[in-house]
Amino acid sequence: MKILVSTILFLVSIIHLLPVVGVLGSDSLSRLYGVSIQDSNTEILLRHRAVLFAIIGIFLLLSVFKREFQPLAIAIGLISVVSFLLLTWSSNGLTSEISRVVMIDWAALFLLIVAGAIYVLT
């Protein structure tokens, strides 16, 4: 069961590391999210978001190898995923790219709940 928790955390780490390409600039961000970056301030904020996702993804990846980090990694993953899902829940007119991220985050939420339950029960 410990391997299953580590596998889940590995998968969720990949989900959080994928947006890191957004740090490369507005073209990457447009492809990721299907939005037009109108000004440099928005681009900076979105690129910084990519850096923050990298930090979360790296910590999740580290927790694959350090079991003592797994409870915190699961909690951080849940906060990341749930906060995004709550923000999108009240929004209309999501791009197809953002809708895809929503679906991926629902899967990540399910995986993190499973990982948390297994961690607590083992």
Protein backbone atom coordinates (compact mmCIF):
# COMPACT_ATOMS: atom_id res chain seq x y z
CA MET A 1 0.00 0.00 0.00
CA LYS A 2 2.92 2.36 0.61
CA ILE A 3 3.87 1.93 -3.04
CA LEU A 4 0.33 2.93 -4.08
CA VAL A 5 0.53 6.16 -2.05
CA SER A 6 3.93 6.93 -3.58
CA THR A 7 2.62 6.18 -7.07
CA ILE A 8 -0.35 8.49 -6.56
CA LEU A 9 1.91 11.26 -5.27
CA PHE A 10 4.17 10.77 -8.28
CA LEU A 11 1.19 11.16 -10.63
CA VAL A 12 -0.06 14.26 -8.82
CA SER A 13 3.47 15.71 -8.89
CA ILE A 14 3.51 15.33 -12.68
CA ILE A 15 0.14 17.08 -12.88
CA HIS A 16 1.60 19.99 -10.92
CA LEU A 17 4.84 20.06 -12.92
CA LEU A 18 3.21 20.17 -16.38
CA PRO A 19 2.32 23.89 -16.19
CA VAL A 20 5.96 24.78 -15.49
CA VAL A 21 6.46 25.42 -19.23
CA GLY A 22 4.35 28.56 -18.65
CA VAL A 23 7.43 30.19 -17.16
CA LEU A 24 8.80 30.44 -20.72
CA GLY A 25 6.40 33.25 -21.62
CA SER A 26 3.10 34.31 -23.07
CA ASP A 27 3.12 31.86 -26.00
CA SER A 28 3.45 28.90 -23.63
CA LEU A 29 0.81 30.34 -21.33
CA SER A 30 -1.60 30.83 -24.22
CA ARG A 31 -1.17 27.21 -25.30
CA LEU A 32 -1.61 25.97 -21.73
CA TYR A 33 -4.72 27.95 -20.83
CA GLY A 34 -6.21 29.17 -24.08
CA VAL A 35 -6.10 32.78 -22.97
CA SER A 36 -4.66 35.84 -24.61
CA ILE A 37 -2.09 37.59 -22.44
CA GLN A 38 -2.87 41.29 -22.91
CA ASP A 39 -0.21 42.90 -20.75
CA SER A 40 3.14 42.21 -19.12
CA ASN A 41 1.67 42.33 -15.60
CA THR A 42 -0.68 39.44 -16.32
CA GLU A 43 2.16 37.55 -17.96
CA ILE A 44 4.35 38.02 -14.88
CA LEU A 45 1.57 36.78 -12.59
CA LEU A 46 0.94 33.70 -14.72
CA ARG A 47 4.65 32.94 -15.08
CA HIS A 48 5.00 33.23 -11.32
CA ARG A 49 2.07 30.82 -10.98
CA ALA A 50 4.10 28.36 -13.06
CA VAL A 51 7.01 28.72 -10.61
CA LEU A 52 4.69 28.07 -7.66
CA PHE A 53 3.35 24.96 -9.37
CA ALA A 54 6.95 23.81 -9.82
CA ILE A 55 7.56 24.20 -6.09
CA ILE A 56 4.44 22.19 -5.25
CA GLY A 57 5.30 19.57 -7.87
CA ILE A 58 8.85 19.18 -6.60
CA PHE A 59 7.65 18.79 -3.02
CA LEU A 60 5.11 16.18 -4.10
CA LEU A 61 7.87 14.38 -5.98
CA LEU A 62 10.16 14.54 -2.94
CA SER A 63 7.41 12.98 -0.83
CA VAL A 64 7.47 9.92 -3.10
CA PHE A 65 10.87 9.13 -1.59
CA LYS A 66 10.39 10.57 1.91
CA ARG A 67 7.36 8.96 3.53
CA GLU A 68 7.46 11.40 6.43
CA PHE A 69 6.64 14.22 3.97
CA GLN A 70 3.59 12.46 2.56
CA PRO A 71 0.92 13.82 4.95
CA LEU A 72 2.01 17.39 4.24
CA ALA A 73 2.31 16.68 0.51
CA ILE A 74 -1.21 15.25 0.44
CA ALA A 75 -2.52 18.29 2.31
CA ILE A 76 -0.72 20.74 0.00
CA GLY A 77 -1.97 18.85 -3.06
CA LEU A 78 -5.53 18.93 -1.73
CA ILE A 79 -5.33 22.66 -1.05
CA SER A 80 -3.99 23.31 -4.54
CA VAL A 81 -6.58 21.19 -6.32
CA VAL A 82 -9.62 22.10 -4.21
CA SER A 83 -8.90 25.83 -4.37
CA PHE A 84 -8.68 25.70 -8.16
CA LEU A 85 -11.87 23.65 -8.44
CA LEU A 86 -13.73 26.07 -6.15
CA LEU A 87 -12.56 29.05 -8.22
CA THR A 88 -13.68 27.46 -11.47
CA TRP A 89 -16.98 26.21 -10.05
CA SER A 90 -18.44 29.71 -9.92
CA SER A 91 -17.07 30.75 -13.31
CA ASN A 92 -18.82 30.66 -16.66
CA GLY A 93 -17.17 30.57 -20.03
CA LEU A 94 -14.12 28.45 -19.28
CA THR A 95 -11.83 27.83 -22.24
CA SER A 96 -11.48 24.25 -23.44
CA GLU A 97 -7.94 24.28 -22.04
CA ILE A 98 -9.13 25.36 -18.58
CA SER A 99 -11.96 22.81 -18.76
CA ARG A 100 -9.32 20.15 -19.43
CA VAL A 101 -7.39 21.33 -16.34
CA VAL A 102 -10.62 21.09 -14.32
CA MET A 103 -11.09 17.46 -15.39
CA ILE A 104 -7.47 16.65 -14.55
CA ASP A 105 -7.84 18.30 -11.15
CA TRP A 106 -10.97 16.24 -10.41
CA ALA A 107 -8.88 13.15 -11.10
CA ALA A 108 -6.08 14.52 -8.91
CA LEU A 109 -8.60 15.22 -6.13
CA PHE A 110 -9.83 11.64 -6.26
CA LEU A 111 -6.26 10.31 -6.23
CA LEU A 112 -5.27 12.50 -3.29
CA ILE A 113 -8.32 11.40 -1.26
CA VAL A 114 -7.40 7.78 -1.97
CA ALA A 115 -3.76 8.42 -1.01
CA GLY A 116 -4.83 10.16 2.19
CA ALA A 117 -7.15 7.33 3.16
CA ILE A 118 -4.50 4.68 2.47
CA TYR A 119 -1.87 6.65 4.37
CA VAL A 120 -4.12 6.99 7.41
CA LEU A 121 -5.19 3.33 7.33
CA THR A 122 -1.69 1.86 6.97
